[in-house]
Structure formats: structure tokens, C-alpha cells
Amino acid sequence: MDASRVIIEPVLTEKTNVMREGEEKKYVFKVDPRANKVQVMNAVKTVFSVNPVKCNILSVKGKTKTQRTKGGTRTGSTKPWKKAIVTLKKGEAIDAFEGV
């Protein structure tokens, strides 16, 4: 799988901002559902030119949503997706996130 297709987008929330500020820099990405840890680490290495040490992957289930309409209620859900938490070597950072 191509490195540019493995990483879909970064996940930017308050919790992920705190993870980036620590001693160990941890970055969170939304990745392709077919990607594995090795593919994610290689994609981060080629796209951002950094050395990842560790990668944790988890599948996020879709949330159930309810919509009220004139005809009654509709229920559905958002799509499930895959999240990767990538830890970098000490002293390294991804410049696109740091604003440098």
C-alpha cells in the first residue's frame, strides 16, 4: 500500500494536543482500515521524515445517531474507522503539527 494512502488525516483534539506536549511525542492519525502497524510506521517515516519508535492501532466503532423527523425517528450510525498512535524518538517532532 502506498504511504500517502495509509495516513488519511491527523486527529487534532485537546487530548491529542496534550499527548504531543509530553516528553515522548505521540501523534494520532486516522489511517486506512486495511493498514497494519508496520505500514503505518513506514508511512510516517517517509511522509514526515522522522523515526517512529512505536505504533498502537485501535479500531473505533461508529457512534449511533438518532434523528427526529415528521414521520418518526430514524436511527443510524457513523462509519467505523481506524486510529493509530505513533510514538517518535526522543527529541524528534513533526514540524507540521508544531507550527514551525
Protein backbone atom coordinates (compact mmCIF):
# COMPACT_ATOMS: atom_id res chain seq x y z
CA MET A 1 0.00 0.00 0.00
CA ASP A 2 1.28 3.47 -0.90
CA ALA A 3 2.50 5.61 2.03
CA SER A 4 0.33 8.56 1.03
CA ARG A 5 -2.80 6.38 1.16
CA VAL A 6 -2.07 4.81 4.55
CA ILE A 7 -2.40 8.05 6.53
CA ILE A 8 -5.78 9.67 5.88
CA GLU A 9 -5.67 12.65 8.27
CA PRO A 10 -4.34 13.71 11.67
CA VAL A 11 -6.66 13.66 14.67
CA LEU A 12 -6.50 17.07 16.35
CA THR A 13 -8.26 17.22 19.71
CA GLU A 14 -7.41 18.54 23.16
CA LYS A 15 -6.33 15.08 24.27
CA THR A 16 -4.00 14.59 21.30
CA ASN A 17 -2.51 18.05 21.88
CA VAL A 18 -1.59 17.01 25.43
CA MET A 19 -0.04 13.79 24.08
CA ARG A 20 2.19 15.83 21.72
CA GLU A 21 3.41 18.13 24.50
CA GLY A 22 4.85 15.39 26.72
CA GLU A 23 8.43 14.09 26.92
CA GLU A 24 7.54 11.35 24.45
CA LYS A 25 5.96 12.88 21.37
CA LYS A 26 2.84 10.91 20.41
CA TYR A 27 0.90 11.74 17.27
CA VAL A 28 -2.56 10.41 16.40
CA PHE A 29 -3.66 9.70 12.82
CA LYS A 30 -6.77 8.36 11.11
CA VAL A 31 -5.45 5.54 8.94
CA ASP A 32 -6.70 3.18 6.25
CA PRO A 33 -8.71 0.30 7.77
CA ARG A 34 -6.53 -2.27 5.94
CA ALA A 35 -3.22 -0.84 7.23
CA ASN A 36 -1.12 -2.60 9.87
CA LYS A 37 1.48 -1.28 12.33
CA VAL A 38 4.46 -1.78 10.03
CA GLN A 39 2.77 0.03 7.15
CA VAL A 40 1.78 2.95 9.39
CA MET A 41 5.31 3.31 10.79
CA ASN A 42 6.84 3.23 7.29
CA ALA A 43 4.31 5.81 6.05
CA VAL A 44 5.09 8.20 8.93
CA LYS A 45 8.81 7.73 8.28
CA THR A 46 8.54 8.54 4.56
CA VAL A 47 5.93 11.31 4.70
CA PHE A 48 7.25 13.27 7.70
CA SER A 49 10.97 12.24 7.68
CA VAL A 50 11.04 11.17 11.35
CA ASN A 51 11.88 7.91 13.12
CA PRO A 52 8.87 6.30 14.83
CA VAL A 53 9.66 4.01 17.76
CA LYS A 54 6.25 2.51 18.49
CA CYS A 55 2.78 2.34 16.97
CA ASN A 56 -0.50 1.41 18.65
CA ILE A 57 -3.55 0.80 16.48
CA LEU A 58 -7.17 0.59 17.54
CA SER A 59 -10.49 0.34 15.73
CA VAL A 60 -13.04 2.99 16.68
CA LYS A 61 -16.66 1.90 16.47
CA GLY A 62 -19.23 4.15 14.81
CA LYS A 63 -21.47 6.18 17.11
CA THR A 64 -25.22 5.65 16.95
CA LYS A 65 -27.18 8.70 15.86
CA THR A 66 -30.92 9.40 16.14
CA GLN A 67 -32.79 11.94 14.04
CA ARG A 68 -36.34 13.11 14.72
CA THR A 69 -38.47 13.72 11.65
CA LYS A 70 -42.15 14.31 10.89
CA GLY A 71 -42.59 10.64 10.07
CA GLY A 72 -40.99 9.40 13.28
CA THR A 73 -37.43 8.75 14.35
CA ARG A 74 -34.57 7.47 12.24
CA THR A 75 -31.61 5.68 13.68
CA GLY A 76 -28.27 5.14 12.05
CA SER A 77 -24.60 5.29 12.83
CA THR A 78 -21.39 6.96 11.78
CA LYS A 79 -18.73 4.97 9.98
CA PRO A 80 -16.21 2.95 11.99
CA TRP A 81 -12.57 3.99 11.50
CA LYS A 82 -9.04 3.03 12.49
CA LYS A 83 -6.81 5.15 14.72
CA ALA A 84 -3.01 4.94 15.02
CA ILE A 85 -0.98 6.43 17.88
CA VAL A 86 2.64 6.83 16.77
CA THR A 87 5.45 7.48 19.28
CA LEU A 88 8.59 9.21 17.98
CA LYS A 89 12.19 9.08 19.16
CA LYS A 90 13.11 11.44 21.97
CA GLY A 91 13.93 14.91 20.64
CA GLU A 92 12.10 14.48 17.31
CA ALA A 93 8.89 16.24 16.30
CA ILE A 94 6.76 16.70 13.21
CA ASP A 95 7.09 20.34 12.12
CA ALA A 96 3.64 20.48 10.50
CA PHE A 97 1.99 19.98 13.91
CA GLU A 98 4.32 22.21 15.91
CA GLY A 99 3.73 25.28 13.74
CA VAL A 100 7.43 25.80 12.94
